[in-house]
Amino acid sequence: MLGPQGPLNLRAEDGVCLEEIPVEGEPRSAEASTARVWFKNGQATDMELEQQVVIHGEDVEATGHRARFSAVAGVTMLHGDPGGLERAAVSSPRGASPATKSR
């Protein structure tokens, strides 16, 4: 969707792969069935991945039904499927942490 100031939001379906190569630190990647990105003044501010989400980065793998990234806040929220059995889980060489089903 485009507005007078540029893109407002974008929706991608049928499989999405993202790769980020930061100036410092390890590359990160994510994949999911669908993605949605919100923009403000032409800059991406938030992104949401849905269905079969897998996130890789800095020796961590996270899986879940939905993930929300906030560039402004610098946080990632990982959710399980509130209507199904798919849980969110985070694993690394330091251990694993399966999350409870989100409500």
N, C-alpha and C. Protein backbone atom coordinates (compact mmCIF):
# COMPACT_ATOMS: atom_id res chain seq x y z
N MET A 1 0.85 -1.15 0.00
CA MET A 1 0.00 0.00 0.00
C MET A 1 0.90 1.23 0.00
N LEU A 2 0.62 2.14 -0.93
CA LEU A 2 1.40 3.37 -1.05
C LEU A 2 0.58 4.56 -0.59
N GLY A 3 1.23 5.50 0.07
CA GLY A 3 0.61 6.74 0.48
C GLY A 3 1.37 7.91 -0.14
N PRO A 4 0.96 9.13 0.16
CA PRO A 4 1.63 10.30 -0.42
C PRO A 4 3.10 10.41 -0.04
N GLN A 5 3.49 9.89 1.13
CA GLN A 5 4.87 9.97 1.60
C GLN A 5 5.70 8.74 1.23
N GLY A 6 5.10 7.78 0.51
CA GLY A 6 5.82 6.56 0.15
C GLY A 6 5.08 5.33 0.64
N PRO A 7 5.78 4.20 0.80
CA PRO A 7 5.10 2.97 1.23
C PRO A 7 4.56 3.08 2.64
N LEU A 8 3.37 2.49 2.86
CA LEU A 8 2.77 2.43 4.20
C LEU A 8 2.92 1.03 4.78
N ASN A 9 2.62 0.00 3.95
CA ASN A 9 2.82 -1.37 4.38
C ASN A 9 2.97 -2.27 3.16
N LEU A 10 3.51 -3.44 3.42
CA LEU A 10 3.80 -4.43 2.38
C LEU A 10 3.43 -5.78 2.93
N ARG A 11 2.82 -6.61 2.10
CA ARG A 11 2.49 -7.99 2.50
C ARG A 11 3.09 -8.93 1.47
N ALA A 12 3.81 -9.94 1.94
CA ALA A 12 4.41 -10.95 1.07
C ALA A 12 3.89 -12.32 1.50
N GLU A 13 3.57 -13.17 0.54
CA GLU A 13 3.02 -14.49 0.82
C GLU A 13 3.75 -15.56 0.03
N ASP A 14 3.41 -16.81 0.30
CA ASP A 14 3.95 -17.99 -0.39
C ASP A 14 5.43 -18.20 -0.12
N GLY A 15 5.87 -17.90 1.09
CA GLY A 15 7.25 -18.14 1.49
C GLY A 15 8.08 -16.88 1.44
N VAL A 16 8.69 -16.55 2.56
CA VAL A 16 9.49 -15.33 2.68
C VAL A 16 10.81 -15.69 3.34
N CYS A 17 11.91 -15.22 2.77
CA CYS A 17 13.23 -15.38 3.36
C CYS A 17 13.86 -14.00 3.50
N LEU A 18 14.40 -13.73 4.66
CA LEU A 18 15.06 -12.45 4.92
C LEU A 18 16.47 -12.72 5.41
N GLU A 19 17.40 -11.88 4.99
CA GLU A 19 18.76 -12.01 5.46
C GLU A 19 19.28 -10.62 5.80
N GLU A 20 19.88 -10.49 6.99
CA GLU A 20 20.44 -9.22 7.44
C GLU A 20 21.92 -9.42 7.70
N ILE A 21 22.73 -8.57 7.12
CA ILE A 21 24.17 -8.62 7.34
C ILE A 21 24.56 -7.30 7.97
N PRO A 22 24.69 -7.27 9.30
CA PRO A 22 25.00 -6.02 9.99
C PRO A 22 26.46 -5.61 9.80
N VAL A 23 26.74 -4.35 10.05
CA VAL A 23 28.11 -3.85 9.97
C VAL A 23 28.98 -4.59 10.98
N GLU A 24 28.44 -4.80 12.17
CA GLU A 24 29.15 -5.57 13.21
C GLU A 24 28.28 -6.73 13.64
N GLY A 25 28.90 -7.82 14.02
CA GLY A 25 28.16 -8.98 14.51
C GLY A 25 27.86 -9.98 13.42
N GLU A 26 27.19 -11.04 13.84
CA GLU A 26 26.87 -12.16 12.97
C GLU A 26 25.68 -11.85 12.06
N PRO A 27 25.67 -12.40 10.85
CA PRO A 27 24.47 -12.28 9.99
C PRO A 27 23.28 -12.96 10.66
N ARG A 28 22.10 -12.48 10.36
CA ARG A 28 20.86 -13.05 10.89
C ARG A 28 19.94 -13.34 9.73
N SER A 29 19.08 -14.34 9.91
CA SER A 29 18.12 -14.66 8.85
C SER A 29 16.80 -15.09 9.48
N ALA A 30 15.77 -15.02 8.68
CA ALA A 30 14.44 -15.45 9.13
C ALA A 30 13.67 -15.95 7.92
N GLU A 31 12.75 -16.87 8.17
CA GLU A 31 11.88 -17.37 7.12
C GLU A 31 10.50 -17.65 7.70
N ALA A 32 9.50 -17.56 6.85
CA ALA A 32 8.12 -17.79 7.27
C ALA A 32 7.26 -17.95 6.03
N SER A 33 6.00 -18.31 6.24
CA SER A 33 5.07 -18.42 5.12
C SER A 33 4.64 -17.06 4.61
N THR A 34 4.40 -16.10 5.53
CA THR A 34 3.98 -14.76 5.12
C THR A 34 4.72 -13.71 5.94
N ALA A 35 4.77 -12.50 5.41
CA ALA A 35 5.39 -11.38 6.12
C ALA A 35 4.61 -10.11 5.83
N ARG A 36 4.67 -9.21 6.79
CA ARG A 36 4.08 -7.89 6.62
C ARG A 36 5.04 -6.87 7.21
N VAL A 37 5.25 -5.77 6.49
CA VAL A 37 6.18 -4.72 6.91
C VAL A 37 5.42 -3.40 6.93
N TRP A 38 5.63 -2.60 8.01
CA TRP A 38 5.02 -1.28 8.11
C TRP A 38 6.11 -0.23 7.98
N PHE A 39 5.78 0.89 7.35
CA PHE A 39 6.73 1.96 7.08
C PHE A 39 6.25 3.28 7.65
N LYS A 40 7.20 4.15 7.96
CA LYS A 40 6.90 5.53 8.34
C LYS A 40 7.96 6.40 7.68
N ASN A 41 7.50 7.35 6.88
CA ASN A 41 8.40 8.23 6.13
C ASN A 41 9.39 7.44 5.28
N GLY A 42 8.93 6.35 4.69
CA GLY A 42 9.75 5.54 3.81
C GLY A 42 10.68 4.55 4.50
N GLN A 43 10.71 4.55 5.83
CA GLN A 43 11.58 3.65 6.59
C GLN A 43 10.76 2.55 7.24
N ALA A 44 11.24 1.31 7.15
CA ALA A 44 10.56 0.19 7.81
C ALA A 44 10.64 0.38 9.32
N THR A 45 9.49 0.28 9.99
CA THR A 45 9.45 0.45 11.45
C THR A 45 9.12 -0.85 12.17
N ASP A 46 8.29 -1.69 11.58
CA ASP A 46 7.88 -2.95 12.19
C ASP A 46 7.73 -4.01 11.11
N MET A 47 7.95 -5.27 11.51
CA MET A 47 7.76 -6.39 10.59
C MET A 47 7.15 -7.54 11.37
N GLU A 48 6.25 -8.25 10.72
CA GLU A 48 5.63 -9.42 11.35
C GLU A 48 5.73 -10.60 10.40
N LEU A 49 6.24 -11.72 10.91
CA LEU A 49 6.30 -12.98 10.16
C LEU A 49 5.25 -13.90 10.75
N GLU A 50 4.58 -14.68 9.88
CA GLU A 50 3.54 -15.59 10.36
C GLU A 50 3.68 -16.96 9.71
N GLN A 51 3.32 -17.97 10.45
CA GLN A 51 3.25 -19.37 10.04
C GLN A 51 4.63 -19.95 9.73
N GLN A 52 5.00 -20.94 10.50
CA GLN A 52 6.26 -21.67 10.33
C GLN A 52 7.47 -20.74 10.37
N VAL A 53 7.54 -19.91 11.39
CA VAL A 53 8.61 -18.92 11.54
C VAL A 53 9.86 -19.60 12.07
N VAL A 54 11.00 -19.32 11.43
CA VAL A 54 12.30 -19.79 11.89
C VAL A 54 13.25 -18.59 11.82
N ILE A 55 13.90 -18.29 12.94
CA ILE A 55 14.83 -17.16 13.02
C ILE A 55 16.19 -17.71 13.43
N HIS A 56 17.26 -17.32 12.72
CA HIS A 56 18.63 -17.73 13.03
C HIS A 56 19.46 -16.49 13.27
N GLY A 57 20.31 -16.52 14.28
CA GLY A 57 21.23 -15.42 14.49
C GLY A 57 22.01 -15.58 15.77
N GLU A 58 23.30 -15.23 15.72
CA GLU A 58 24.16 -15.23 16.89
C GLU A 58 24.04 -16.53 17.70
N ASP A 59 24.16 -17.67 17.04
CA ASP A 59 24.10 -18.99 17.67
C ASP A 59 22.76 -19.29 18.33
N VAL A 60 21.70 -18.63 17.88
CA VAL A 60 20.36 -18.85 18.43
C VAL A 60 19.43 -19.23 17.29
N GLU A 61 18.57 -20.21 17.54
CA GLU A 61 17.51 -20.54 16.60
C GLU A 61 16.18 -20.43 17.34
N ALA A 62 15.25 -19.70 16.77
CA ALA A 62 13.94 -19.53 17.38
C ALA A 62 12.88 -19.97 16.38
N THR A 63 11.88 -20.70 16.84
CA THR A 63 10.80 -21.14 15.98
C THR A 63 9.47 -20.79 16.66
N GLY A 64 8.47 -20.55 15.83
CA GLY A 64 7.15 -20.24 16.37
C GLY A 64 6.15 -20.02 15.27
N HIS A 65 4.97 -19.60 15.66
CA HIS A 65 3.89 -19.34 14.71
C HIS A 65 3.94 -17.90 14.18
N ARG A 66 4.39 -16.98 15.05
CA ARG A 66 4.41 -15.57 14.66
C ARG A 66 5.57 -14.88 15.36
N ALA A 67 6.20 -13.94 14.65
CA ALA A 67 7.26 -13.12 15.25
C ALA A 67 7.03 -11.68 14.83
N ARG A 68 7.19 -10.77 15.77
CA ARG A 68 7.04 -9.35 15.50
C ARG A 68 8.35 -8.66 15.83
N PHE A 69 8.89 -7.90 14.88
CA PHE A 69 10.14 -7.17 15.04
C PHE A 69 9.82 -5.68 15.09
N SER A 70 10.32 -4.99 16.07
CA SER A 70 10.16 -3.54 16.15
C SER A 70 11.52 -2.90 16.02
N ALA A 71 11.77 -2.24 14.88
CA ALA A 71 13.05 -1.59 14.66
C ALA A 71 13.23 -0.42 15.62
N VAL A 72 12.16 0.29 15.91
CA VAL A 72 12.23 1.45 16.79
C VAL A 72 12.60 1.02 18.21
N ALA A 73 11.93 -0.01 18.73
CA ALA A 73 12.19 -0.48 20.09
C ALA A 73 13.39 -1.43 20.16
N GLY A 74 13.78 -2.03 19.04
CA GLY A 74 14.88 -2.98 19.03
C GLY A 74 14.57 -4.30 19.70
N VAL A 75 13.31 -4.75 19.59
CA VAL A 75 12.90 -6.00 20.21
C VAL A 75 12.26 -6.94 19.19
N THR A 76 12.31 -8.23 19.52
CA THR A 76 11.63 -9.26 18.75
C THR A 76 10.72 -10.01 19.70
N MET A 77 9.46 -10.17 19.30
CA MET A 77 8.49 -10.93 20.11
C MET A 77 8.12 -12.18 19.33
N LEU A 78 8.27 -13.33 19.96
CA LEU A 78 8.00 -14.62 19.33
C LEU A 78 6.79 -15.24 20.01
N HIS A 79 5.83 -15.72 19.21
CA HIS A 79 4.58 -16.26 19.75
C HIS A 79 4.31 -17.66 19.21
N GLY A 80 3.65 -18.46 20.02
CA GLY A 80 3.10 -19.72 19.56
C GLY A 80 1.75 -19.47 18.91
N ASP A 81 1.11 -20.52 18.46
CA ASP A 81 -0.21 -20.40 17.83
C ASP A 81 -1.29 -20.44 18.92
N PRO A 82 -2.03 -19.36 19.12
CA PRO A 82 -3.03 -19.36 20.19
C PRO A 82 -4.18 -20.33 19.95
N GLY A 83 -4.41 -20.71 18.70
CA GLY A 83 -5.51 -21.62 18.40
C GLY A 83 -5.06 -23.03 18.07
N GLY A 84 -3.79 -23.32 18.20
CA GLY A 84 -3.28 -24.63 17.83
C GLY A 84 -2.21 -25.12 18.77
N LEU A 85 -1.41 -26.06 18.30
CA LEU A 85 -0.41 -26.70 19.15
C LEU A 85 1.00 -26.19 18.90
N GLU A 86 1.20 -25.32 17.91
CA GLU A 86 2.55 -24.85 17.60
C GLU A 86 3.03 -23.88 18.69
N ARG A 87 4.10 -24.27 19.36
CA ARG A 87 4.65 -23.44 20.44
C ARG A 87 5.84 -22.65 19.93
N ALA A 88 6.22 -21.65 20.69
CA ALA A 88 7.43 -20.89 20.40
C ALA A 88 8.57 -21.52 21.18
N ALA A 89 9.76 -21.58 20.58
CA ALA A 89 10.92 -22.17 21.25
C ALA A 89 12.18 -21.44 20.81
N VAL A 90 13.12 -21.32 21.74
CA VAL A 90 14.41 -20.70 21.46
C VAL A 90 15.48 -21.68 21.91
N SER A 91 16.46 -21.94 21.03
CA SER A 91 17.55 -22.83 21.41
C SER A 91 18.89 -22.23 20.99
N SER A 92 19.92 -22.57 21.77
CA SER A 92 21.28 -22.12 21.49
C SER A 92 22.23 -23.14 22.10
N PRO A 93 23.53 -23.02 21.83
CA PRO A 93 24.48 -23.94 22.46
C PRO A 93 24.45 -23.86 23.99
N ARG A 94 23.93 -22.75 24.53
CA ARG A 94 23.84 -22.60 25.99
C ARG A 94 22.61 -23.29 26.57
N GLY A 95 21.69 -23.77 25.72
CA GLY A 95 20.50 -24.46 26.21
C GLY A 95 19.29 -24.12 25.38
N ALA A 96 18.15 -24.69 25.76
CA ALA A 96 16.90 -24.47 25.03
C ALA A 96 15.84 -23.97 25.99
N SER A 97 14.91 -23.20 25.46
CA SER A 97 13.85 -22.64 26.29
C SER A 97 12.53 -22.70 25.53
N PRO A 98 11.79 -23.80 25.67
CA PRO A 98 10.47 -23.84 25.02
C PRO A 98 9.52 -22.91 25.77
N ALA A 99 8.82 -22.10 25.02
CA ALA A 99 7.87 -21.17 25.63
C ALA A 99 6.50 -21.84 25.75
N THR A 100 5.69 -21.34 26.63
CA THR A 100 4.33 -21.86 26.74
C THR A 100 3.48 -21.31 25.63
N LYS A 101 2.37 -21.96 25.39
CA LYS A 101 1.45 -21.54 24.34
C LYS A 101 0.93 -20.15 24.65
N SER A 102 1.00 -19.24 23.65
CA SER A 102 0.53 -17.88 23.89
C SER A 102 -0.99 -17.85 23.92
N ARG A 103 -1.54 -16.88 24.58
CA ARG A 103 -2.98 -16.75 24.71
C ARG A 103 -3.48 -15.59 23.92
